[in-house]
């Protein structure tokens, strides 16, 4: 991991490829995604009342 970082210039970001090459760090990323999948952050706020299959999603619901 230090070798990958050592080859970066000051301020240069670590790429996805670099991250996958860092075995321990990659395992941390995988475990974080397992515990906190990005799906949870994808909910949106209803802008209007929505009726669907007999159910109502009220305006403002998240």
PDB file of N, CA and C in Angstrom:
ATOM      1  N   UNK A   1       0.823  -1.189   0.000  1.00  0.00           N
ATOM      2  CA  UNK A   1       0.000   0.000   0.000  1.00  0.00           C
ATOM      3  C   UNK A   1       0.869   1.254   0.000  1.00  0.00           C
ATOM      4  N   UNK A   2       1.931   1.230   0.772  1.00  0.00           N
ATOM      5  CA  UNK A   2       2.808   2.404   0.805  1.00  0.00           C
ATOM      6  C   UNK A   2       3.479   2.631  -0.544  1.00  0.00           C
ATOM      7  N   UNK A   3       3.779   1.540  -1.258  1.00  0.00           N
ATOM      8  CA  UNK A   3       4.404   1.673  -2.572  1.00  0.00           C
ATOM      9  C   UNK A   3       3.505   2.382  -3.566  1.00  0.00           C
ATOM     10  N   UNK A   4       2.231   2.103  -3.513  1.00  0.00           N
ATOM     11  CA  UNK A   4       1.281   2.756  -4.423  1.00  0.00           C
ATOM     12  C   UNK A   4       1.177   4.235  -4.096  1.00  0.00           C
ATOM     13  N   UNK A   5       1.069   4.547  -2.823  1.00  0.00           N
ATOM     14  CA  UNK A   5       0.966   5.946  -2.405  1.00  0.00           C
ATOM     15  C   UNK A   5       2.265   6.694  -2.689  1.00  0.00           C
ATOM     16  N   UNK A   6       3.404   6.024  -2.522  1.00  0.00           N
ATOM     17  CA  UNK A   6       4.701   6.667  -2.754  1.00  0.00           C
ATOM     18  C   UNK A   6       4.880   7.078  -4.213  1.00  0.00           C
ATOM     19  N   UNK A   7       4.217   6.380  -5.137  1.00  0.00           N
ATOM     20  CA  UNK A   7       4.337   6.708  -6.560  1.00  0.00           C
ATOM     21  C   UNK A   7       3.390   7.822  -7.001  1.00  0.00           C
ATOM     22  N   UNK A   8       2.597   8.339  -6.096  1.00  0.00           N
ATOM     23  CA  UNK A   8       1.666   9.424  -6.419  1.00  0.00           C
ATOM     24  C   UNK A   8       2.326  10.771  -6.160  1.00  0.00           C
ATOM     25  N   UNK A   9       1.967  11.738  -6.985  1.00  0.00           N
ATOM     26  CA  UNK A   9       2.445  13.101  -6.755  1.00  0.00           C
ATOM     27  C   UNK A   9       1.620  13.741  -5.643  1.00  0.00           C
ATOM     28  N   UNK A  10       2.145  14.768  -5.047  1.00  0.00           N
ATOM     29  CA  UNK A  10       1.439  15.482  -3.981  1.00  0.00           C
ATOM     30  C   UNK A  10       0.115  16.005  -4.538  1.00  0.00           C
ATOM     31  N   UNK A  11      -0.972  15.677  -3.870  1.00  0.00           N
ATOM     32  CA  UNK A  11      -2.288  16.127  -4.299  1.00  0.00           C
ATOM     33  C   UNK A  11      -2.965  15.223  -5.315  1.00  0.00           C
ATOM     34  N   UNK A  12      -2.231  14.238  -5.852  1.00  0.00           N
ATOM     35  CA  UNK A  12      -2.827  13.321  -6.829  1.00  0.00           C
ATOM     36  C   UNK A  12      -3.733  12.331  -6.101  1.00  0.00           C
ATOM     37  N   UNK A  13      -4.920  12.134  -6.627  1.00  0.00           N
ATOM     38  CA  UNK A  13      -5.883  11.246  -5.983  1.00  0.00           C
ATOM     39  C   UNK A  13      -5.581   9.789  -6.292  1.00  0.00           C
ATOM     40  N   UNK A  14      -6.009   8.919  -5.397  1.00  0.00           N
ATOM     41  CA  UNK A  14      -5.870   7.479  -5.597  1.00  0.00           C
ATOM     42  C   UNK A  14      -7.008   7.035  -6.506  1.00  0.00           C
ATOM     43  N   UNK A  15      -6.683   6.284  -7.548  1.00  0.00           N
ATOM     44  CA  UNK A  15      -7.702   5.818  -8.485  1.00  0.00           C
ATOM     45  C   UNK A  15      -8.370   4.550  -7.969  1.00  0.00           C
ATOM     46  N   UNK A  16      -9.464   4.175  -8.617  1.00  0.00           N
ATOM     47  CA  UNK A  16     -10.162   2.937  -8.262  1.00  0.00           C
ATOM     48  C   UNK A  16      -9.229   1.744  -8.471  1.00  0.00           C
ATOM     49  N   UNK A  17      -8.434   1.778  -9.529  1.00  0.00           N
ATOM     50  CA  UNK A  17      -7.456   0.712  -9.813  1.00  0.00           C
ATOM     51  C   UNK A  17      -6.423   0.623  -8.684  1.00  0.00           C
ATOM     52  N   UNK A  18      -5.925   1.771  -8.227  1.00  0.00           N
ATOM     53  CA  UNK A  18      -4.973   1.796  -7.107  1.00  0.00           C
ATOM     54  C   UNK A  18      -5.604   1.189  -5.857  1.00  0.00           C
ATOM     55  N   UNK A  19      -6.838   1.570  -5.604  1.00  0.00           N
ATOM     56  CA  UNK A  19      -7.542   1.095  -4.417  1.00  0.00           C
ATOM     57  C   UNK A  19      -7.699  -0.423  -4.439  1.00  0.00           C
ATOM     58  N   UNK A  20      -8.023  -0.973  -5.611  1.00  0.00           N
ATOM     59  CA  UNK A  20      -8.181  -2.424  -5.727  1.00  0.00           C
ATOM     60  C   UNK A  20      -6.849  -3.148  -5.548  1.00  0.00           C
ATOM     61  N   UNK A  21      -5.742  -2.489  -5.872  1.00  0.00           N
ATOM     62  CA  UNK A  21      -4.416  -3.089  -5.706  1.00  0.00           C
ATOM     63  C   UNK A  21      -3.971  -3.095  -4.237  1.00  0.00           C
ATOM     64  N   UNK A  22      -4.575  -2.249  -3.424  1.00  0.00           N
ATOM     65  CA  UNK A  22      -4.258  -2.207  -1.993  1.00  0.00           C
ATOM     66  C   UNK A  22      -5.135  -3.243  -1.297  1.00  0.00           C
ATOM     67  N   UNK A  23      -4.611  -4.432  -1.071  1.00  0.00           N
ATOM     68  CA  UNK A  23      -5.422  -5.554  -0.598  1.00  0.00           C
ATOM     69  C   UNK A  23      -6.194  -5.257   0.688  1.00  0.00           C
ATOM     70  N   UNK A  24      -5.527  -4.753   1.701  1.00  0.00           N
ATOM     71  CA  UNK A  24      -6.213  -4.500   2.974  1.00  0.00           C
ATOM     72  C   UNK A  24      -7.251  -3.390   2.815  1.00  0.00           C
ATOM     73  N   UNK A  25      -6.857  -2.305   2.164  1.00  0.00           N
ATOM     74  CA  UNK A  25      -7.770  -1.182   1.979  1.00  0.00           C
ATOM     75  C   UNK A  25      -8.975  -1.611   1.150  1.00  0.00           C
ATOM     76  N   UNK A  26      -8.744  -2.445   0.125  1.00  0.00           N
ATOM     77  CA  UNK A  26      -9.839  -2.932  -0.709  1.00  0.00           C
ATOM     78  C   UNK A  26     -10.819  -3.762   0.127  1.00  0.00           C
ATOM     79  N   UNK A  27     -10.297  -4.566   1.050  1.00  0.00           N
ATOM     80  CA  UNK A  27     -11.171  -5.353   1.923  1.00  0.00           C
ATOM     81  C   UNK A  27     -12.005  -4.444   2.828  1.00  0.00           C
ATOM     82  N   UNK A  28     -11.410  -3.351   3.286  1.00  0.00           N
ATOM     83  CA  UNK A  28     -12.138  -2.377   4.106  1.00  0.00           C
ATOM     84  C   UNK A  28     -13.267  -1.752   3.284  1.00  0.00           C
ATOM     85  N   UNK A  29     -12.983  -1.396   2.044  1.00  0.00           N
ATOM     86  CA  UNK A  29     -14.008  -0.821   1.162  1.00  0.00           C
ATOM     87  C   UNK A  29     -15.147  -1.815   0.959  1.00  0.00           C
ATOM     88  N   UNK A  30     -14.801  -3.068   0.662  1.00  0.00           N
ATOM     89  CA  UNK A  30     -15.816  -4.097   0.442  1.00  0.00           C
ATOM     90  C   UNK A  30     -16.687  -4.296   1.687  1.00  0.00           C
ATOM     91  N   UNK A  31     -16.083  -4.338   2.852  1.00  0.00           N
ATOM     92  CA  UNK A  31     -16.840  -4.530   4.092  1.00  0.00           C
ATOM     93  C   UNK A  31     -17.733  -3.323   4.375  1.00  0.00           C
ATOM     94  N   UNK A  32     -17.234  -2.131   4.112  1.00  0.00           N
ATOM     95  CA  UNK A  32     -18.033  -0.922   4.307  1.00  0.00           C
ATOM     96  C   UNK A  32     -19.252  -0.934   3.396  1.00  0.00           C
ATOM     97  N   UNK A  33     -19.059  -1.312   2.130  1.00  0.00           N
ATOM     98  CA  UNK A  33     -20.186  -1.389   1.200  1.00  0.00           C
ATOM     99  C   UNK A  33     -21.167  -2.492   1.599  1.00  0.00           C
ATOM    100  N   UNK A  34     -20.653  -3.577   2.191  1.00  0.00           N
ATOM    101  CA  UNK A  34     -21.537  -4.649   2.645  1.00  0.00           C
ATOM    102  C   UNK A  34     -22.411  -4.167   3.805  1.00  0.00           C
ATOM    103  N   UNK A  35     -21.797  -3.439   4.730  1.00  0.00           N
ATOM    104  CA  UNK A  35     -22.527  -2.983   5.913  1.00  0.00           C
ATOM    105  C   UNK A  35     -23.444  -1.794   5.617  1.00  0.00           C
ATOM    106  N   UNK A  36     -23.026  -0.936   4.708  1.00  0.00           N
ATOM    107  CA  UNK A  36     -23.776   0.276   4.388  1.00  0.00           C
ATOM    108  C   UNK A  36     -23.925   0.404   2.878  1.00  0.00           C
ATOM    109  N   UNK A  37     -24.788  -0.407   2.261  1.00  0.00           N
ATOM    110  CA  UNK A  37     -24.942  -0.343   0.809  1.00  0.00           C
ATOM    111  C   UNK A  37     -25.417   1.030   0.353  1.00  0.00           C
ATOM    112  N   UNK A  38     -24.982   1.465  -0.809  1.00  0.00           N
ATOM    113  CA  UNK A  38     -25.368   2.786  -1.308  1.00  0.00           C
ATOM    114  C   UNK A  38     -26.866   2.934  -1.546  1.00  0.00           C
ATOM    115  N   UNK A  39     -27.585   1.837  -1.616  1.00  0.00           N
ATOM    116  CA  UNK A  39     -29.028   1.887  -1.841  1.00  0.00           C
ATOM    117  C   UNK A  39     -29.734   2.710  -0.774  1.00  0.00           C
ATOM    118  N   UNK A  40     -29.269   2.644   0.481  1.00  0.00           N
ATOM    119  CA  UNK A  40     -29.929   3.367   1.562  1.00  0.00           C
ATOM    120  C   UNK A  40     -29.925   4.873   1.337  1.00  0.00           C
ATOM    121  N   UNK A  41     -28.951   5.375   0.631  1.00  0.00           N
ATOM    122  CA  UNK A  41     -28.867   6.812   0.409  1.00  0.00           C
ATOM    123  C   UNK A  41     -29.573   7.280  -0.840  1.00  0.00           C
ATOM    124  N   UNK A  42     -30.268   6.382  -1.525  1.00  0.00           N
ATOM    125  CA  UNK A  42     -30.852   6.756  -2.806  1.00  0.00           C
ATOM    126  C   UNK A  42     -32.331   7.129  -2.720  1.00  0.00           C
ATOM    127  N   UNK A  43     -32.881   7.240  -1.523  1.00  0.00           N
ATOM    128  CA  UNK A  43     -34.287   7.606  -1.404  1.00  0.00           C
ATOM    129  C   UNK A  43     -34.474   9.081  -1.724  1.00  0.00           C
ATOM    130  N   UNK A  44     -35.609   9.385  -2.301  1.00  0.00           N
ATOM    131  CA  UNK A  44     -35.920  10.761  -2.666  1.00  0.00           C
ATOM    132  C   UNK A  44     -37.179  11.204  -1.922  1.00  0.00           C
ATOM    133  N   UNK A  45     -37.363  12.491  -1.863  1.00  0.00           N
ATOM    134  CA  UNK A  45     -38.535  13.070  -1.214  1.00  0.00           C
ATOM    135  C   UNK A  45     -39.663  13.168  -2.247  1.00  0.00           C
ATOM    136  N   UNK A  46     -40.855  12.696  -1.874  1.00  0.00           N
ATOM    137  CA  UNK A  46     -42.007  12.787  -2.775  1.00  0.00           C
ATOM    138  C   UNK A  46     -42.414  14.253  -2.921  1.00  0.00           C
ATOM    139  N   UNK A  47     -42.481  14.714  -4.154  1.00  0.00           N
ATOM    140  CA  UNK A  47     -42.816  16.113  -4.425  1.00  0.00           C
ATOM    141  C   UNK A  47     -44.333  16.339  -4.467  1.00  0.00           C
ATOM    142  N   UNK A  48     -45.083  15.275  -4.774  1.00  0.00           N
ATOM    143  CA  UNK A  48     -46.546  15.334  -4.820  1.00  0.00           C
ATOM    144  C   UNK A  48     -47.087  14.043  -4.215  1.00  0.00           C
ATOM    145  N   UNK A  49     -48.370  14.033  -3.846  1.00  0.00           N
ATOM    146  CA  UNK A  49     -49.004  12.793  -3.395  1.00  0.00           C
ATOM    147  C   UNK A  49     -49.004  11.794  -4.553  1.00  0.00           C
ATOM    148  N   UNK A  50     -48.687  10.539  -4.256  1.00  0.00           N
ATOM    149  CA  UNK A  50     -48.650   9.500  -5.284  1.00  0.00           C
ATOM    150  C   UNK A  50     -49.544   8.354  -4.836  1.00  0.00           C
ATOM    151  N   UNK A  51     -50.481   7.956  -5.687  1.00  0.00           N
ATOM    152  CA  UNK A  51     -51.328   6.793  -5.424  1.00  0.00           C
ATOM    153  C   UNK A  51     -50.813   5.647  -6.277  1.00  0.00           C
ATOM    154  N   UNK A  52     -50.518   4.518  -5.620  1.00  0.00           N
ATOM    155  CA  UNK A  52     -50.002   3.356  -6.338  1.00  0.00           C
ATOM    156  C   UNK A  52     -50.603   2.086  -5.759  1.00  0.00           C
ATOM    157  N   UNK A  53     -51.332   1.368  -6.576  1.00  0.00           N
ATOM    158  CA  UNK A  53     -51.870   0.054  -6.209  1.00  0.00           C
ATOM    159  C   UNK A  53     -52.615   0.087  -4.866  1.00  0.00           C
ATOM    160  N   UNK A  54     -53.408   1.147  -4.670  1.00  0.00           N
ATOM    161  CA  UNK A  54     -54.190   1.247  -3.441  1.00  0.00           C
ATOM    162  C   UNK A  54     -53.464   1.902  -2.274  1.00  0.00           C
ATOM    163  N   UNK A  55     -52.206   2.260  -2.462  1.00  0.00           N
ATOM    164  CA  UNK A  55     -51.420   2.911  -1.408  1.00  0.00           C
ATOM    165  C   UNK A  55     -51.174   4.363  -1.795  1.00  0.00           C
ATOM    166  N   UNK A  56     -51.089   5.220  -0.796  1.00  0.00           N
ATOM    167  CA  UNK A  56     -50.789   6.628  -1.041  1.00  0.00           C
ATOM    168  C   UNK A  56     -49.459   6.978  -0.391  1.00  0.00           C
ATOM    169  N   UNK A  57     -48.581   7.566  -1.192  1.00  0.00           N
ATOM    170  CA  UNK A  57     -47.315   8.103  -0.675  1.00  0.00           C
ATOM    171  C   UNK A  57     -47.530   9.608  -0.581  1.00  0.00           C
ATOM    172  N   UNK A  58     -47.576  10.151   0.636  1.00  0.00           N
ATOM    173  CA  UNK A  58     -47.891  11.569   0.779  1.00  0.00           C
ATOM    174  C   UNK A  58     -46.727  12.474   0.366  1.00  0.00           C
ATOM    175  N   UNK A  59     -47.091  13.657  -0.099  1.00  0.00           N
ATOM    176  CA  UNK A  59     -46.096  14.667  -0.449  1.00  0.00           C
ATOM    177  C   UNK A  59     -45.182  14.903   0.751  1.00  0.00           C
ATOM    178  N   UNK A  60     -43.868  14.970   0.510  1.00  0.00           N
ATOM    179  CA  UNK A  60     -42.897  15.227   1.572  1.00  0.00           C
ATOM    180  C   UNK A  60     -42.330  13.978   2.216  1.00  0.00           C
ATOM    181  N   UNK A  61     -42.931  12.805   1.913  1.00  0.00           N
ATOM    182  CA  UNK A  61     -42.438  11.550   2.504  1.00  0.00           C
ATOM    183  C   UNK A  61     -41.088  11.191   1.911  1.00  0.00           C
ATOM    184  N   UNK A  62     -40.195  10.656   2.751  1.00  0.00           N
ATOM    185  CA  UNK A  62     -38.865  10.243   2.274  1.00  0.00           C
ATOM    186  C   UNK A  62     -38.677   8.768   2.503  1.00  0.00           C
TER     187      UNK A  62
END
